[in-house]
Amino acid sequence: MNLFSIAYLPPVEYLQLYLQSEQPYIEKCENYVRQTYRNRCLIASANGVLPLIVPVKKNHLHNCPITQIEIDYSQAWQIKHWRAFEAAYNISPFFLYYKDFFEPFYFQKNIKTLWEFNLQLFDLILKLFNIPVKYSFTDVYISQSTDFTTDYRQSIHPKSGDKTGQKEHFFPIYSQVFAEKNGFFANLSCIDLLFNTGNLAKEKLC
């Protein structure tokens, strides 16, 4: 049993570990944790690594269940994110092929919670990567790992890991749009891998 948090367009590491998991569980019973991949992703922009954050409503953030966190649509974050994707990936080999799958998420406001928004995007990502939907949800909060559990809820974190590509033995290396200018950035959002490698993306995870 492997434990994952829900994540917004999760990093490559997340998909690698998910793919390796025989019994992945997504934590449904935790309280929301700020400054994590639960509401942010990292992409490679012309100026380097760019964090994109989904704003959430500030009321009841303290000890609020992850499934009840509401997206703050009063901020123009959707168009900001979409324009960032276009600027970063419009000349990547596969952005035009995949853009129609993602674009609807950034021109609607009918998904109320961060949980549902992330989950719908994650299901889409699994489909585009041709990865089986094999996850289950926890029905109680698991406070700590056991001998039968590998806990990735906190270890997969924006402030951990190496974005410089020095961990070639673990993170895949592939062509990025601005690599000639900025160098290679490892372990970004899985959409970076998808837009740059297309149907080879799953193979790169192995």
Protein backbone atom coordinates (compact mmCIF):
# COMPACT_ATOMS: atom_id res chain seq x y z
CA MET A 1 0.00 0.00 0.00
CA ASN A 2 1.46 3.34 -1.08
CA LEU A 3 0.03 6.65 0.12
CA PHE A 4 -0.17 9.75 -2.05
CA SER A 5 -1.70 13.15 -1.49
CA ILE A 6 -3.89 14.65 -4.19
CA ALA A 7 -1.83 17.00 -6.40
CA TYR A 8 -2.34 19.69 -9.00
CA LEU A 9 -0.71 18.51 -12.26
CA PRO A 10 1.71 16.43 -10.16
CA PRO A 11 5.46 16.27 -10.73
CA VAL A 12 7.21 13.55 -12.68
CA GLU A 13 8.32 11.90 -9.44
CA TYR A 14 4.67 11.42 -8.42
CA LEU A 15 3.83 9.57 -11.63
CA GLN A 16 6.99 7.47 -11.46
CA LEU A 17 6.13 6.26 -7.96
CA TYR A 18 2.46 5.83 -8.82
CA LEU A 19 3.38 3.70 -11.83
CA GLN A 20 5.59 1.51 -9.64
CA SER A 21 2.85 1.07 -7.01
CA GLU A 22 0.80 -2.09 -7.00
CA GLN A 23 -1.72 -0.65 -4.56
CA PRO A 24 -1.75 3.18 -4.61
CA TYR A 25 -4.04 5.06 -2.26
CA ILE A 26 -4.87 8.75 -2.42
CA GLU A 27 -5.30 10.34 0.99
CA LYS A 28 -8.88 11.60 1.21
CA CYS A 29 -9.11 12.09 4.96
CA GLU A 30 -6.27 14.50 5.66
CA ASN A 31 -6.52 18.19 6.43
CA TYR A 32 -5.32 20.62 3.80
CA VAL A 33 -1.57 21.33 3.85
CA ARG A 34 -0.39 24.66 2.48
CA GLN A 35 2.61 25.32 0.18
CA THR A 36 2.58 21.82 -1.30
CA TYR A 37 1.75 20.22 -4.63
CA ARG A 38 -1.86 20.03 -3.48
CA ASN A 39 -2.46 23.42 -5.06
CA ARG A 40 0.64 24.14 -7.15
CA CYS A 41 2.74 22.82 -9.99
CA LEU A 42 6.10 23.76 -11.51
CA ILE A 43 6.73 24.32 -15.21
CA ALA A 44 9.75 25.36 -17.28
CA SER A 45 9.26 28.92 -18.54
CA ALA A 46 11.56 31.14 -20.59
CA ASN A 47 12.85 32.61 -17.31
CA GLY A 48 13.34 29.36 -15.44
CA VAL A 49 11.14 27.29 -13.15
CA LEU A 50 7.72 28.91 -12.75
CA PRO A 51 5.35 27.94 -9.91
CA LEU A 52 1.66 28.07 -10.74
CA ILE A 53 -0.66 28.19 -7.74
CA VAL A 54 -4.39 27.52 -7.56
CA PRO A 55 -5.74 30.03 -5.01
CA VAL A 56 -8.12 28.70 -2.40
CA LYS A 57 -10.61 30.48 -0.19
CA LYS A 58 -9.00 31.58 3.05
CA ASN A 59 -11.89 30.83 5.37
CA HIS A 60 -11.61 27.59 7.32
CA LEU A 61 -8.12 26.78 6.03
CA HIS A 62 -7.03 25.75 9.52
CA ASN A 63 -7.77 22.06 10.06
CA CYS A 64 -10.01 21.93 7.02
CA PRO A 65 -10.47 18.56 5.28
CA ILE A 66 -8.82 18.46 1.87
CA THR A 67 -12.12 17.53 0.20
CA GLN A 68 -13.77 20.74 1.46
CA ILE A 69 -11.17 23.26 0.28
CA GLU A 70 -12.84 25.57 -2.22
CA ILE A 71 -11.12 27.19 -5.20
CA ASP A 72 -11.05 31.00 -5.16
CA TYR A 73 -12.40 32.02 -8.54
CA SER A 74 -12.40 35.72 -7.59
CA GLN A 75 -8.76 35.73 -8.73
CA ALA A 76 -7.93 35.47 -12.44
CA TRP A 77 -5.67 32.48 -11.90
CA GLN A 78 -7.12 30.33 -14.71
CA ILE A 79 -6.19 32.67 -17.54
CA LYS A 80 -2.81 33.26 -15.89
CA HIS A 81 -2.10 29.53 -15.82
CA TRP A 82 -3.31 28.97 -19.37
CA ARG A 83 -1.25 31.84 -20.75
CA ALA A 84 1.76 30.47 -18.88
CA PHE A 85 1.21 27.06 -20.51
CA GLU A 86 0.95 28.65 -23.94
CA ALA A 87 4.07 30.78 -23.44
CA ALA A 88 6.07 27.84 -22.10
CA TYR A 89 4.91 25.07 -24.44
CA ASN A 90 3.40 26.52 -27.60
CA ILE A 91 6.50 25.54 -29.57
CA SER A 92 6.96 22.20 -27.80
CA PRO A 93 6.41 19.19 -30.07
CA PHE A 94 3.09 18.04 -28.59
CA PHE A 95 1.35 21.02 -26.95
CA LEU A 96 -0.99 21.58 -29.90
CA TYR A 97 -1.95 17.91 -29.84
CA TYR A 98 -2.84 17.86 -26.14
CA LYS A 99 -4.04 21.42 -25.49
CA ASP A 100 -7.71 20.69 -26.22
CA PHE A 101 -7.77 18.14 -23.40
CA PHE A 102 -6.58 20.68 -20.81
CA GLU A 103 -8.07 23.94 -22.05
CA PRO A 104 -11.63 23.36 -20.73
CA PHE A 105 -10.32 23.27 -17.15
CA TYR A 106 -9.15 26.88 -17.51
CA PHE A 107 -12.30 28.38 -19.03
CA GLN A 108 -14.96 27.20 -16.58
CA LYS A 109 -15.77 27.79 -12.92
CA ASN A 110 -18.15 24.94 -12.19
CA ILE A 111 -15.71 22.75 -10.26
CA LYS A 112 -16.10 24.00 -6.70
CA THR A 113 -13.40 22.20 -4.75
CA LEU A 114 -9.67 21.81 -5.21
CA TRP A 115 -10.07 18.08 -4.58
CA GLU A 116 -12.44 17.57 -7.51
CA PHE A 117 -10.45 19.85 -9.82
CA ASN A 118 -7.21 17.99 -9.11
CA LEU A 119 -8.84 14.58 -9.34
CA GLN A 120 -10.42 15.26 -12.74
CA LEU A 121 -7.08 16.52 -14.05
CA PHE A 122 -5.28 13.50 -12.60
CA ASP A 123 -7.67 11.09 -14.30
CA LEU A 124 -7.03 12.91 -17.57
CA ILE A 125 -3.26 12.68 -17.06
CA LEU A 126 -3.44 8.95 -16.40
CA LYS A 127 -5.44 8.55 -19.61
CA LEU A 128 -3.01 10.58 -21.71
CA PHE A 129 -0.01 8.76 -20.25
CA ASN A 130 -1.78 5.43 -20.80
CA ILE A 131 -1.41 4.57 -17.11
CA PRO A 132 -4.13 2.38 -15.53
CA VAL A 133 -6.48 4.07 -13.05
CA LYS A 134 -5.72 1.77 -10.14
CA TYR A 135 -5.91 4.07 -7.13
CA SER A 136 -8.25 3.79 -4.17
CA PHE A 137 -9.09 6.38 -1.51
CA THR A 138 -8.39 6.14 2.19
CA ASP A 139 -11.51 5.96 4.32
CA VAL A 140 -9.73 7.01 7.53
CA TYR A 141 -6.69 9.18 8.08
CA ILE A 142 -3.49 7.15 8.36
CA SER A 143 -1.34 9.07 10.81
CA GLN A 144 1.94 7.29 10.12
CA SER A 145 3.48 4.71 7.85
CA THR A 146 3.42 1.05 8.77
CA ASP A 147 5.52 -1.89 7.66
CA PHE A 148 3.06 -2.33 4.81
CA THR A 149 2.86 1.32 3.78
CA THR A 150 5.14 3.66 1.89
CA ASP A 151 4.09 7.23 2.62
CA TYR A 152 4.68 9.80 -0.12
CA ARG A 153 2.25 12.40 1.23
CA GLN A 154 4.99 14.69 2.53
CA SER A 155 8.13 13.44 0.79
CA ILE A 156 6.86 14.55 -2.63
CA HIS A 157 7.14 18.25 -1.95
CA PRO A 158 8.08 21.41 -3.93
CA LYS A 159 10.90 22.16 -1.49
CA SER A 160 12.45 18.70 -1.68
CA GLY A 161 14.20 16.97 -4.54
CA ASP A 162 16.54 18.27 -7.19
CA LYS A 163 15.38 20.46 -10.09
CA THR A 164 18.85 20.75 -11.66
CA GLY A 165 18.96 17.34 -13.31
CA GLN A 166 21.74 15.95 -11.11
CA LYS A 167 19.59 12.91 -10.28
CA GLU A 168 19.68 11.46 -13.78
CA HIS A 169 19.52 7.98 -12.26
CA PHE A 170 15.96 8.67 -11.14
CA PHE A 171 14.40 11.58 -13.01
CA PRO A 172 14.12 11.21 -16.79
CA ILE A 173 16.13 13.53 -19.01
CA TYR A 174 14.40 14.79 -22.16
CA SER A 175 14.36 17.81 -24.47
CA GLN A 176 12.81 20.95 -22.98
CA VAL A 177 11.89 24.08 -24.92
CA PHE A 178 14.22 26.47 -23.09
CA ALA A 179 16.97 24.01 -22.12
CA GLU A 180 19.54 25.70 -24.36
CA LYS A 181 19.01 28.95 -22.45
CA ASN A 182 18.30 27.73 -18.92
CA GLY A 183 19.61 24.19 -18.76
CA PHE A 184 17.49 21.16 -17.96
CA PHE A 185 15.05 21.21 -15.04
CA ALA A 186 14.15 17.82 -13.61
CA ASN A 187 10.99 16.73 -11.82
CA LEU A 188 8.67 19.45 -13.07
CA SER A 189 4.96 18.95 -13.60
CA CYS A 190 4.15 15.86 -15.63
CA ILE A 191 2.67 18.12 -18.33
CA ASP A 192 6.20 19.32 -19.07
CA LEU A 193 7.14 15.73 -19.87
CA LEU A 194 3.91 15.15 -21.82
CA PHE A 195 4.12 18.28 -23.98
CA ASN A 196 7.76 17.61 -24.80
CA THR A 197 7.73 13.85 -25.40
CA GLY A 198 4.15 12.94 -26.33
CA ASN A 199 3.41 9.22 -26.55
CA LEU A 200 6.89 8.44 -25.23
CA ALA A 201 6.07 10.08 -21.89
CA LYS A 202 5.13 6.85 -20.12
CA GLU A 203 8.27 5.15 -21.39
CA LYS A 204 10.33 8.00 -19.92
CA LEU A 205 8.86 7.30 -16.48
CA CYS A 206 10.18 3.74 -16.37
